[in-house]
Amino acid sequence: GGQVDIWAWTIEGTENTDYVYTGGTSSSSQIAQVQFLVEGTYDVSLTATGPDYPDSETKNNYIQVGAATIDVSVTAQSIDFGAMKAGVDSINSTSVIVTTTGGTAWSVTASATNGGYMTSGSEDLENAVHIANGGGAFQPMTSEISGFMTGTADEDRTDIANVKQVIAESDAPGDYEISVTFTGGFV
């Protein structure tokens, strides 16, 4: 070893959009920090140049990056409101569980079938189903709710989804149903 004036990192087997230098480092940093954005196998080379000559070292297939995953599940799978009464809010809940491997910040979207209304055959309840994350404000499920849950890279979390239905005086008796889907993705 001797004095080194210039460091030059090269990551091969990728497009330069497959990774970014992080922590204020670059391809000319003595110690480079790299975040890989695309799965794959990467070769890494370092050329150190001093006043006398350059010296290079290459490690083939040195870094392996797997695909980031996000899994969203719920327990319980169905919510029973029991015998609902006209004009009374029926509220129950389920746990929404998010587990991740790698990736970046993430977000979960909540959406409902039937345009957000409980349905029995061709009959809809007058009021839409509403949902809230934990102690947050209830929102109607008449459109998709993006950002229902959010988290940071490698953060696993469980939140409570509170679901509310109000029965109007004009609603006909019957067995009404709706399906709510929670979909996660990296942002």
N, C-alpha and C. Protein backbone atom coordinates (compact mmCIF):
# COMPACT_ATOMS: atom_id res chain seq x y z
N GLY A 1 0.80 -1.15 0.00
CA GLY A 1 0.00 0.00 0.00
C GLY A 1 0.86 1.24 0.00
N GLY A 2 0.37 2.25 -0.57
CA GLY A 2 1.00 3.55 -0.60
C GLY A 2 -0.06 4.60 -0.61
N GLN A 3 0.34 5.79 -0.93
CA GLN A 3 -0.61 6.90 -0.98
C GLN A 3 -1.57 6.71 -2.15
N VAL A 4 -2.85 6.97 -1.89
CA VAL A 4 -3.86 6.88 -2.95
C VAL A 4 -4.48 8.26 -3.11
N ASP A 5 -4.52 8.73 -4.36
CA ASP A 5 -5.09 10.04 -4.65
C ASP A 5 -6.49 9.96 -5.25
N ILE A 6 -6.77 8.87 -5.98
CA ILE A 6 -8.04 8.75 -6.70
C ILE A 6 -8.60 7.35 -6.51
N TRP A 7 -9.90 7.29 -6.19
CA TRP A 7 -10.62 6.03 -6.12
C TRP A 7 -11.68 6.04 -7.22
N ALA A 8 -11.85 4.90 -7.89
CA ALA A 8 -12.86 4.82 -8.96
C ALA A 8 -13.59 3.48 -8.85
N TRP A 9 -14.86 3.55 -8.41
CA TRP A 9 -15.69 2.36 -8.30
C TRP A 9 -16.45 2.15 -9.61
N THR A 10 -16.57 0.89 -10.03
CA THR A 10 -17.37 0.54 -11.20
C THR A 10 -18.26 -0.63 -10.81
N ILE A 11 -19.55 -0.50 -11.06
CA ILE A 11 -20.50 -1.58 -10.82
C ILE A 11 -20.96 -2.06 -12.18
N GLU A 12 -20.70 -3.34 -12.46
CA GLU A 12 -20.98 -3.86 -13.80
C GLU A 12 -22.15 -4.82 -13.76
N GLY A 13 -22.70 -5.06 -14.93
CA GLY A 13 -23.86 -5.93 -15.06
C GLY A 13 -25.15 -5.18 -14.83
N THR A 14 -25.08 -3.84 -14.86
CA THR A 14 -26.26 -3.04 -14.57
C THR A 14 -26.31 -1.82 -15.47
N GLU A 15 -27.46 -1.21 -15.49
CA GLU A 15 -27.60 0.14 -16.03
C GLU A 15 -27.35 1.08 -14.87
N ASN A 16 -26.90 2.30 -15.13
CA ASN A 16 -26.63 3.20 -14.02
C ASN A 16 -27.90 3.63 -13.29
N THR A 17 -29.09 3.28 -13.82
CA THR A 17 -30.33 3.57 -13.10
C THR A 17 -30.70 2.43 -12.15
N ASP A 18 -29.91 1.35 -12.14
CA ASP A 18 -30.19 0.21 -11.27
C ASP A 18 -29.71 0.43 -9.84
N TYR A 19 -28.95 1.50 -9.61
CA TYR A 19 -28.40 1.75 -8.28
C TYR A 19 -28.16 3.25 -8.10
N VAL A 20 -28.04 3.67 -6.84
CA VAL A 20 -27.69 5.05 -6.52
C VAL A 20 -26.66 5.04 -5.41
N TYR A 21 -25.79 6.03 -5.42
CA TYR A 21 -24.85 6.22 -4.31
C TYR A 21 -25.58 6.97 -3.21
N THR A 22 -25.39 6.53 -1.97
CA THR A 22 -26.09 7.14 -0.84
C THR A 22 -25.10 7.65 0.20
N GLY A 23 -25.61 8.33 1.19
CA GLY A 23 -24.77 8.81 2.29
C GLY A 23 -23.73 9.82 1.86
N GLY A 24 -24.02 10.57 0.77
CA GLY A 24 -23.08 11.58 0.30
C GLY A 24 -21.88 11.00 -0.44
N THR A 25 -21.94 9.71 -0.79
CA THR A 25 -20.82 9.10 -1.51
C THR A 25 -21.07 9.11 -3.01
N SER A 26 -20.00 8.84 -3.78
CA SER A 26 -20.10 8.79 -5.24
C SER A 26 -19.14 7.71 -5.72
N SER A 27 -19.05 7.57 -7.05
CA SER A 27 -18.15 6.56 -7.62
C SER A 27 -16.68 6.91 -7.37
N SER A 28 -16.40 8.12 -6.91
CA SER A 28 -15.01 8.50 -6.63
C SER A 28 -14.73 8.61 -5.12
N SER A 29 -15.64 8.10 -4.28
CA SER A 29 -15.42 8.11 -2.83
C SER A 29 -14.51 6.97 -2.42
N GLN A 30 -13.75 7.20 -1.36
CA GLN A 30 -12.88 6.14 -0.86
C GLN A 30 -13.71 4.94 -0.40
N ILE A 31 -14.77 5.20 0.35
CA ILE A 31 -15.70 4.17 0.78
C ILE A 31 -17.07 4.56 0.22
N ALA A 32 -17.55 3.80 -0.74
CA ALA A 32 -18.82 4.13 -1.40
C ALA A 32 -19.96 3.36 -0.75
N GLN A 33 -21.08 4.05 -0.58
CA GLN A 33 -22.31 3.41 -0.11
C GLN A 33 -23.29 3.39 -1.28
N VAL A 34 -23.81 2.21 -1.59
CA VAL A 34 -24.65 2.03 -2.77
C VAL A 34 -25.97 1.38 -2.37
N GLN A 35 -27.07 1.93 -2.89
CA GLN A 35 -28.38 1.29 -2.74
C GLN A 35 -28.78 0.75 -4.10
N PHE A 36 -29.02 -0.58 -4.17
CA PHE A 36 -29.42 -1.21 -5.42
C PHE A 36 -30.94 -1.16 -5.53
N LEU A 37 -31.43 -0.74 -6.71
CA LEU A 37 -32.85 -0.56 -6.93
C LEU A 37 -33.48 -1.69 -7.74
N VAL A 38 -32.62 -2.52 -8.35
CA VAL A 38 -33.09 -3.59 -9.21
C VAL A 38 -32.40 -4.88 -8.77
N GLU A 39 -33.19 -5.96 -8.69
CA GLU A 39 -32.59 -7.23 -8.31
C GLU A 39 -31.63 -7.71 -9.39
N GLY A 40 -30.66 -8.51 -8.98
CA GLY A 40 -29.70 -9.05 -9.93
C GLY A 40 -28.38 -9.37 -9.25
N THR A 41 -27.41 -9.78 -10.07
CA THR A 41 -26.07 -10.09 -9.59
C THR A 41 -25.11 -9.07 -10.19
N TYR A 42 -24.25 -8.51 -9.36
CA TYR A 42 -23.41 -7.39 -9.77
C TYR A 42 -21.93 -7.70 -9.56
N ASP A 43 -21.10 -7.26 -10.54
CA ASP A 43 -19.64 -7.27 -10.41
C ASP A 43 -19.23 -5.90 -9.88
N VAL A 44 -18.22 -5.88 -9.01
CA VAL A 44 -17.74 -4.62 -8.45
C VAL A 44 -16.24 -4.51 -8.68
N SER A 45 -15.80 -3.36 -9.20
CA SER A 45 -14.38 -3.10 -9.43
C SER A 45 -13.99 -1.81 -8.71
N LEU A 46 -12.76 -1.79 -8.19
CA LEU A 46 -12.20 -0.59 -7.60
C LEU A 46 -10.81 -0.38 -8.17
N THR A 47 -10.58 0.82 -8.68
CA THR A 47 -9.24 1.21 -9.13
C THR A 47 -8.75 2.31 -8.20
N ALA A 48 -7.63 2.04 -7.54
CA ALA A 48 -7.00 3.02 -6.66
C ALA A 48 -5.75 3.53 -7.37
N THR A 49 -5.65 4.85 -7.51
CA THR A 49 -4.53 5.43 -8.23
C THR A 49 -3.73 6.33 -7.28
N GLY A 50 -2.43 6.08 -7.25
CA GLY A 50 -1.50 6.89 -6.45
C GLY A 50 -0.56 7.65 -7.37
N PRO A 51 0.46 8.27 -6.80
CA PRO A 51 1.40 9.04 -7.62
C PRO A 51 2.20 8.17 -8.59
N ASP A 52 2.34 6.89 -8.27
CA ASP A 52 3.18 6.03 -9.11
C ASP A 52 2.41 5.25 -10.16
N TYR A 53 1.29 4.60 -9.75
CA TYR A 53 0.55 3.77 -10.71
C TYR A 53 -0.83 3.42 -10.14
N PRO A 54 -1.76 2.98 -11.03
CA PRO A 54 -3.07 2.52 -10.57
C PRO A 54 -3.03 1.04 -10.22
N ASP A 55 -3.92 0.62 -9.33
CA ASP A 55 -4.07 -0.79 -8.98
C ASP A 55 -5.57 -1.09 -8.97
N SER A 56 -5.97 -2.17 -9.67
CA SER A 56 -7.39 -2.51 -9.77
C SER A 56 -7.68 -3.86 -9.17
N GLU A 57 -8.86 -3.96 -8.62
CA GLU A 57 -9.35 -5.24 -8.09
C GLU A 57 -10.80 -5.39 -8.52
N THR A 58 -11.15 -6.55 -9.08
CA THR A 58 -12.52 -6.82 -9.50
C THR A 58 -13.03 -8.06 -8.78
N LYS A 59 -14.26 -7.98 -8.28
CA LYS A 59 -14.93 -9.13 -7.66
C LYS A 59 -16.15 -9.44 -8.54
N ASN A 60 -16.12 -10.61 -9.20
CA ASN A 60 -17.22 -11.00 -10.07
C ASN A 60 -18.36 -11.62 -9.25
N ASN A 61 -19.59 -11.33 -9.67
CA ASN A 61 -20.78 -11.86 -8.99
C ASN A 61 -20.71 -11.61 -7.49
N TYR A 62 -20.25 -10.43 -7.10
CA TYR A 62 -19.94 -10.12 -5.71
C TYR A 62 -21.16 -9.72 -4.89
N ILE A 63 -22.11 -9.07 -5.52
CA ILE A 63 -23.30 -8.60 -4.81
C ILE A 63 -24.53 -9.21 -5.45
N GLN A 64 -25.38 -9.82 -4.63
CA GLN A 64 -26.63 -10.38 -5.12
C GLN A 64 -27.78 -9.65 -4.42
N VAL A 65 -28.69 -9.12 -5.21
CA VAL A 65 -29.81 -8.35 -4.68
C VAL A 65 -31.10 -9.07 -5.06
N GLY A 66 -31.89 -9.43 -4.05
CA GLY A 66 -33.17 -10.09 -4.30
C GLY A 66 -34.27 -9.05 -4.45
N ALA A 67 -35.38 -9.50 -4.95
CA ALA A 67 -36.53 -8.61 -5.13
C ALA A 67 -37.10 -8.22 -3.78
N ALA A 68 -37.48 -6.96 -3.66
CA ALA A 68 -38.16 -6.48 -2.47
C ALA A 68 -39.59 -7.03 -2.47
N THR A 69 -40.09 -7.39 -1.29
CA THR A 69 -41.45 -7.92 -1.21
C THR A 69 -42.25 -7.14 -0.18
N ILE A 70 -43.56 -7.08 -0.41
CA ILE A 70 -44.48 -6.54 0.57
C ILE A 70 -45.68 -7.47 0.63
N ASP A 71 -46.07 -7.86 1.83
CA ASP A 71 -47.20 -8.77 2.02
C ASP A 71 -48.20 -8.09 2.95
N VAL A 72 -49.45 -8.04 2.53
CA VAL A 72 -50.51 -7.44 3.33
C VAL A 72 -51.56 -8.51 3.60
N SER A 73 -51.87 -8.72 4.88
CA SER A 73 -52.89 -9.70 5.23
C SER A 73 -53.80 -9.12 6.31
N VAL A 74 -54.94 -9.74 6.49
CA VAL A 74 -55.89 -9.27 7.51
C VAL A 74 -56.33 -10.44 8.39
N THR A 75 -56.60 -10.12 9.66
CA THR A 75 -57.23 -11.06 10.58
C THR A 75 -58.21 -10.23 11.40
N ALA A 76 -59.41 -10.54 11.51
CA ALA A 76 -60.10 -11.68 10.92
C ALA A 76 -60.48 -11.39 9.47
N GLN A 77 -60.72 -12.48 8.73
CA GLN A 77 -61.05 -12.36 7.31
C GLN A 77 -62.43 -11.74 7.08
N SER A 78 -63.35 -11.90 8.02
CA SER A 78 -64.67 -11.29 7.86
C SER A 78 -65.05 -10.58 9.15
N ILE A 79 -65.89 -9.57 8.99
CA ILE A 79 -66.35 -8.78 10.13
C ILE A 79 -67.85 -9.01 10.28
N ASP A 80 -68.27 -9.37 11.48
CA ASP A 80 -69.68 -9.60 11.76
C ASP A 80 -70.22 -8.40 12.53
N PHE A 81 -71.20 -7.72 11.96
CA PHE A 81 -71.82 -6.59 12.65
C PHE A 81 -72.97 -7.04 13.55
N GLY A 82 -73.33 -8.32 13.49
CA GLY A 82 -74.47 -8.79 14.29
C GLY A 82 -75.77 -8.25 13.73
N ALA A 83 -76.81 -8.20 14.57
CA ALA A 83 -78.11 -7.67 14.15
C ALA A 83 -78.04 -6.14 14.16
N MET A 84 -78.03 -5.54 12.97
CA MET A 84 -77.90 -4.09 12.88
C MET A 84 -79.28 -3.43 13.00
N LYS A 85 -79.30 -2.25 13.61
CA LYS A 85 -80.55 -1.52 13.82
C LYS A 85 -80.52 -0.21 13.04
N ALA A 86 -81.68 0.18 12.54
CA ALA A 86 -81.80 1.42 11.77
C ALA A 86 -81.32 2.61 12.59
N GLY A 87 -80.51 3.46 11.96
CA GLY A 87 -80.03 4.68 12.58
C GLY A 87 -78.90 4.50 13.58
N VAL A 88 -78.42 3.27 13.75
CA VAL A 88 -77.36 2.99 14.72
C VAL A 88 -76.08 2.63 13.97
N ASP A 89 -74.97 3.24 14.40
CA ASP A 89 -73.67 2.90 13.80
C ASP A 89 -73.25 1.52 14.27
N SER A 90 -72.98 0.62 13.32
CA SER A 90 -72.40 -0.68 13.65
C SER A 90 -70.91 -0.60 13.30
N ILE A 91 -70.06 -0.84 14.29
CA ILE A 91 -68.61 -0.72 14.10
C ILE A 91 -67.94 -2.00 14.57
N ASN A 92 -67.01 -2.49 13.76
CA ASN A 92 -66.18 -3.62 14.14
C ASN A 92 -64.83 -3.41 13.47
N SER A 93 -63.88 -4.29 13.74
CA SER A 93 -62.54 -4.04 13.21
C SER A 93 -61.82 -5.33 12.84
N THR A 94 -60.73 -5.16 12.11
CA THR A 94 -59.84 -6.25 11.77
C THR A 94 -58.42 -5.70 11.80
N SER A 95 -57.45 -6.57 11.95
CA SER A 95 -56.04 -6.14 11.94
C SER A 95 -55.50 -6.24 10.53
N VAL A 96 -54.78 -5.21 10.10
CA VAL A 96 -54.10 -5.21 8.80
C VAL A 96 -52.61 -5.36 9.09
N ILE A 97 -52.01 -6.42 8.59
CA ILE A 97 -50.63 -6.78 8.90
C ILE A 97 -49.77 -6.58 7.66
N VAL A 98 -48.72 -5.78 7.77
CA VAL A 98 -47.80 -5.53 6.66
C VAL A 98 -46.42 -6.06 7.04
N THR A 99 -45.87 -6.92 6.17
CA THR A 99 -44.48 -7.38 6.34
C THR A 99 -43.73 -7.09 5.05
N THR A 100 -42.50 -6.62 5.19
CA THR A 100 -41.70 -6.26 4.01
C THR A 100 -40.33 -6.91 4.08
N THR A 101 -39.73 -7.05 2.92
CA THR A 101 -38.34 -7.46 2.78
C THR A 101 -37.71 -6.47 1.83
N GLY A 102 -36.75 -5.68 2.32
CA GLY A 102 -36.09 -4.69 1.46
C GLY A 102 -37.06 -3.64 1.00
N GLY A 103 -36.76 -3.06 -0.14
CA GLY A 103 -37.64 -2.05 -0.72
C GLY A 103 -37.42 -0.67 -0.15
N THR A 104 -38.38 0.18 -0.42
CA THR A 104 -38.32 1.57 0.01
C THR A 104 -39.54 1.86 0.87
N ALA A 105 -39.90 3.11 1.02
CA ALA A 105 -41.14 3.45 1.73
C ALA A 105 -42.30 2.73 1.04
N TRP A 106 -43.35 2.43 1.81
CA TRP A 106 -44.49 1.70 1.26
C TRP A 106 -45.80 2.35 1.66
N SER A 107 -46.85 1.95 0.94
CA SER A 107 -48.18 2.48 1.19
C SER A 107 -49.20 1.37 0.94
N VAL A 108 -50.29 1.39 1.71
CA VAL A 108 -51.37 0.42 1.53
C VAL A 108 -52.63 1.17 1.12
N THR A 109 -53.31 0.66 0.09
CA THR A 109 -54.56 1.21 -0.40
C THR A 109 -55.71 0.33 0.04
N ALA A 110 -56.81 0.94 0.45
CA ALA A 110 -58.02 0.19 0.82
C ALA A 110 -59.09 0.45 -0.24
N SER A 111 -59.72 -0.61 -0.72
CA SER A 111 -60.80 -0.45 -1.71
C SER A 111 -61.91 -1.45 -1.38
N ALA A 112 -63.11 -1.16 -1.87
CA ALA A 112 -64.27 -2.00 -1.58
C ALA A 112 -65.02 -2.35 -2.85
N THR A 113 -65.70 -3.50 -2.82
CA THR A 113 -66.57 -3.89 -3.93
C THR A 113 -67.87 -3.10 -3.85
N ASN A 114 -68.70 -3.25 -4.85
CA ASN A 114 -70.06 -2.66 -4.89
C ASN A 114 -70.05 -1.14 -4.77
N GLY A 115 -68.96 -0.51 -5.20
CA GLY A 115 -68.89 0.95 -5.12
C GLY A 115 -68.85 1.47 -3.69
N GLY A 116 -68.56 0.58 -2.74
CA GLY A 116 -68.46 0.99 -1.34
C GLY A 116 -69.74 0.79 -0.54
N TYR A 117 -70.75 0.16 -1.16
CA TYR A 117 -72.03 -0.06 -0.48
C TYR A 117 -72.24 -1.55 -0.22
N MET A 118 -72.79 -1.88 0.96
CA MET A 118 -73.17 -3.27 1.22
C MET A 118 -74.37 -3.60 0.36
N THR A 119 -74.34 -4.81 -0.22
CA THR A 119 -75.35 -5.22 -1.19
C THR A 119 -75.95 -6.56 -0.81
N SER A 120 -77.25 -6.70 -1.05
CA SER A 120 -77.93 -7.98 -0.93
C SER A 120 -78.69 -8.17 -2.24
N GLY A 121 -78.16 -9.04 -3.11
CA GLY A 121 -78.74 -9.18 -4.45
C GLY A 121 -78.58 -7.87 -5.20
N SER A 122 -79.70 -7.26 -5.63
CA SER A 122 -79.65 -5.98 -6.35
C SER A 122 -79.94 -4.81 -5.42
N GLU A 123 -80.11 -5.08 -4.13
CA GLU A 123 -80.48 -4.07 -3.13
C GLU A 123 -79.23 -3.56 -2.40
N ASP A 124 -79.01 -2.25 -2.43
CA ASP A 124 -77.89 -1.62 -1.69
C ASP A 124 -78.42 -0.97 -0.43
N LEU A 125 -77.58 -0.95 0.62
CA LEU A 125 -77.91 -0.12 1.78
C LEU A 125 -77.77 1.34 1.37
N GLU A 126 -78.53 2.22 2.01
CA GLU A 126 -78.53 3.63 1.63
C GLU A 126 -77.19 4.31 1.89
N ASN A 127 -76.52 3.95 3.00
CA ASN A 127 -75.26 4.60 3.37
C ASN A 127 -74.06 3.74 3.01
N ALA A 128 -73.01 4.39 2.54
CA ALA A 128 -71.77 3.69 2.20
C ALA A 128 -71.08 3.18 3.46
N VAL A 129 -70.26 2.15 3.28
CA VAL A 129 -69.39 1.67 4.35
C VAL A 129 -68.29 2.71 4.55
N HIS A 130 -67.89 2.94 5.80
CA HIS A 130 -66.80 3.85 6.13
C HIS A 130 -65.69 3.07 6.81
N ILE A 131 -64.46 3.53 6.64
CA ILE A 131 -63.31 2.86 7.24
C ILE A 131 -62.37 3.90 7.84
N ALA A 132 -61.70 3.50 8.91
CA ALA A 132 -60.72 4.37 9.57
C ALA A 132 -59.52 3.54 9.99
N ASN A 133 -58.35 4.13 9.92
CA ASN A 133 -57.13 3.49 10.40
C ASN A 133 -56.97 3.84 11.87
N GLY A 134 -57.06 2.82 12.74
CA GLY A 134 -56.91 3.06 14.17
C GLY A 134 -57.93 4.06 14.68
N GLY A 135 -57.46 5.10 15.36
CA GLY A 135 -58.34 6.12 15.90
C GLY A 135 -58.58 7.27 14.95
N GLY A 136 -58.20 7.12 13.67
CA GLY A 136 -58.35 8.20 12.69
C GLY A 136 -59.80 8.42 12.30
N ALA A 137 -60.01 9.41 11.45
CA ALA A 137 -61.35 9.77 10.98
C ALA A 137 -61.87 8.73 9.98
N PHE A 138 -63.17 8.44 10.08
CA PHE A 138 -63.80 7.53 9.12
C PHE A 138 -63.92 8.20 7.76
N GLN A 139 -63.67 7.41 6.70
CA GLN A 139 -63.79 7.89 5.32
C GLN A 139 -64.72 6.95 4.57
N PRO A 140 -65.57 7.48 3.68
CA PRO A 140 -66.44 6.59 2.90
C PRO A 140 -65.60 5.79 1.91
N MET A 141 -66.00 4.54 1.69
CA MET A 141 -65.27 3.66 0.78
C MET A 141 -65.82 3.73 -0.64
N THR A 142 -66.47 4.85 -0.99
CA THR A 142 -67.02 5.01 -2.34
C THR A 142 -65.93 5.21 -3.37
N SER A 143 -64.71 5.49 -2.95
CA SER A 143 -63.57 5.51 -3.85
C SER A 143 -62.39 4.89 -3.11
N GLU A 144 -61.38 4.53 -3.85
CA GLU A 144 -60.19 3.92 -3.29
C GLU A 144 -59.53 4.88 -2.30
N ILE A 145 -59.04 4.36 -1.18
CA ILE A 145 -58.38 5.19 -0.17
C ILE A 145 -56.89 4.88 -0.21
N SER A 146 -56.13 5.76 -0.87
CA SER A 146 -54.69 5.55 -0.94
C SER A 146 -54.06 6.07 0.34
N GLY A 147 -52.93 5.53 0.71
CA GLY A 147 -52.26 5.96 1.94
C GLY A 147 -53.01 5.56 3.20
N PHE A 148 -53.81 4.49 3.12
CA PHE A 148 -54.52 4.02 4.32
C PHE A 148 -53.53 3.67 5.42
N MET A 149 -52.42 3.06 5.01
CA MET A 149 -51.27 2.82 5.90
C MET A 149 -50.02 3.21 5.13
N THR A 150 -49.02 3.73 5.83
CA THR A 150 -47.74 4.01 5.20
C THR A 150 -46.63 3.58 6.14
N GLY A 151 -45.46 3.32 5.57
CA GLY A 151 -44.31 2.92 6.37
C GLY A 151 -43.02 3.18 5.65
N THR A 152 -41.93 2.98 6.34
CA THR A 152 -40.60 3.20 5.78
C THR A 152 -39.98 1.87 5.36
N ALA A 153 -38.85 1.94 4.71
CA ALA A 153 -38.16 0.74 4.22
C ALA A 153 -37.93 -0.24 5.38
N ASP A 154 -38.18 -1.50 5.12
CA ASP A 154 -37.98 -2.59 6.09
C ASP A 154 -38.78 -2.42 7.37
N GLU A 155 -39.90 -1.70 7.32
CA GLU A 155 -40.75 -1.54 8.51
C GLU A 155 -41.95 -2.47 8.40
N ASP A 156 -42.09 -3.37 9.35
CA ASP A 156 -43.26 -4.22 9.45
C ASP A 156 -44.19 -3.59 10.48
N ARG A 157 -45.48 -3.65 10.21
CA ARG A 157 -46.41 -3.01 11.15
C ARG A 157 -47.80 -3.64 11.06
N THR A 158 -48.53 -3.56 12.17
CA THR A 158 -49.92 -3.98 12.21
C THR A 158 -50.75 -2.79 12.66
N ASP A 159 -51.78 -2.45 11.89
CA ASP A 159 -52.71 -1.39 12.25
C ASP A 159 -54.11 -1.99 12.34
N ILE A 160 -55.00 -1.27 12.97
CA ILE A 160 -56.39 -1.71 13.10
C ILE A 160 -57.25 -0.95 12.08
N ALA A 161 -58.00 -1.69 11.27
CA ALA A 161 -58.96 -1.10 10.34
C ALA A 161 -60.34 -1.16 11.00
N ASN A 162 -60.87 -0.01 11.35
CA ASN A 162 -62.23 0.07 11.91
C ASN A 162 -63.21 0.30 10.77
N VAL A 163 -64.23 -0.53 10.71
CA VAL A 163 -65.23 -0.46 9.64
C VAL A 163 -66.58 -0.09 10.28
N LYS A 164 -67.28 0.88 9.65
CA LYS A 164 -68.54 1.37 10.21
C LYS A 164 -69.63 1.33 9.14
N GLN A 165 -70.83 0.93 9.57
CA GLN A 165 -72.00 0.94 8.70
C GLN A 165 -73.17 1.54 9.48
N VAL A 166 -73.87 2.49 8.86
CA VAL A 166 -75.08 3.07 9.44
C VAL A 166 -76.26 2.56 8.62
N ILE A 167 -77.27 2.03 9.31
CA ILE A 167 -78.48 1.52 8.65
C ILE A 167 -79.54 2.62 8.67
N ALA A 168 -80.05 2.96 7.50
CA ALA A 168 -81.11 3.98 7.40
C ALA A 168 -82.48 3.33 7.64
N GLU A 169 -83.45 4.16 8.00
CA GLU A 169 -84.82 3.67 8.24
C GLU A 169 -85.39 2.99 6.99
N SER A 170 -84.99 3.47 5.81
CA SER A 170 -85.56 2.96 4.56
C SER A 170 -84.89 1.67 4.07
N ASP A 171 -83.82 1.21 4.73
CA ASP A 171 -83.13 -0.01 4.29
C ASP A 171 -83.98 -1.25 4.54
N ALA A 172 -84.06 -2.10 3.52
CA ALA A 172 -84.82 -3.35 3.66
C ALA A 172 -83.98 -4.36 4.45
N PRO A 173 -84.65 -5.21 5.23
CA PRO A 173 -83.90 -6.25 5.93
C PRO A 173 -83.27 -7.22 4.94
N GLY A 174 -82.20 -7.87 5.33
CA GLY A 174 -81.56 -8.84 4.45
C GLY A 174 -80.13 -9.10 4.87
N ASP A 175 -79.49 -10.01 4.15
CA ASP A 175 -78.08 -10.32 4.38
C ASP A 175 -77.25 -9.53 3.38
N TYR A 176 -76.61 -8.50 3.85
CA TYR A 176 -75.82 -7.62 2.99
C TYR A 176 -74.34 -7.95 3.12
N GLU A 177 -73.61 -7.74 2.02
CA GLU A 177 -72.17 -8.03 2.08
C GLU A 177 -71.38 -7.05 1.23
N ILE A 178 -70.10 -6.99 1.56
CA ILE A 178 -69.14 -6.16 0.84
C ILE A 178 -67.76 -6.78 1.09
N SER A 179 -66.87 -6.65 0.15
CA SER A 179 -65.49 -7.10 0.35
C SER A 179 -64.56 -5.91 0.33
N VAL A 180 -63.67 -5.88 1.29
CA VAL A 180 -62.66 -4.81 1.37
C VAL A 180 -61.31 -5.43 1.10
N THR A 181 -60.54 -4.80 0.22
CA THR A 181 -59.22 -5.31 -0.16
C THR A 181 -58.15 -4.29 0.22
N PHE A 182 -57.08 -4.77 0.83
CA PHE A 182 -55.93 -3.92 1.17
C PHE A 182 -54.77 -4.34 0.28
N THR A 183 -54.24 -3.39 -0.48
CA THR A 183 -53.18 -3.67 -1.44
C THR A 183 -51.97 -2.82 -1.11
N GLY A 184 -50.81 -3.46 -0.96
CA GLY A 184 -49.58 -2.74 -0.62
C GLY A 184 -48.65 -2.61 -1.80
N GLY A 185 -47.86 -1.54 -1.80
CA GLY A 185 -46.86 -1.34 -2.82
C GLY A 185 -45.78 -0.39 -2.34
N PHE A 186 -44.61 -0.46 -2.98
CA PHE A 186 -43.51 0.43 -2.63
C PHE A 186 -43.67 1.76 -3.36
N VAL A 187 -43.30 2.84 -2.70
CA VAL A 187 -43.43 4.17 -3.31
C VAL A 187 -42.06 4.82 -3.47
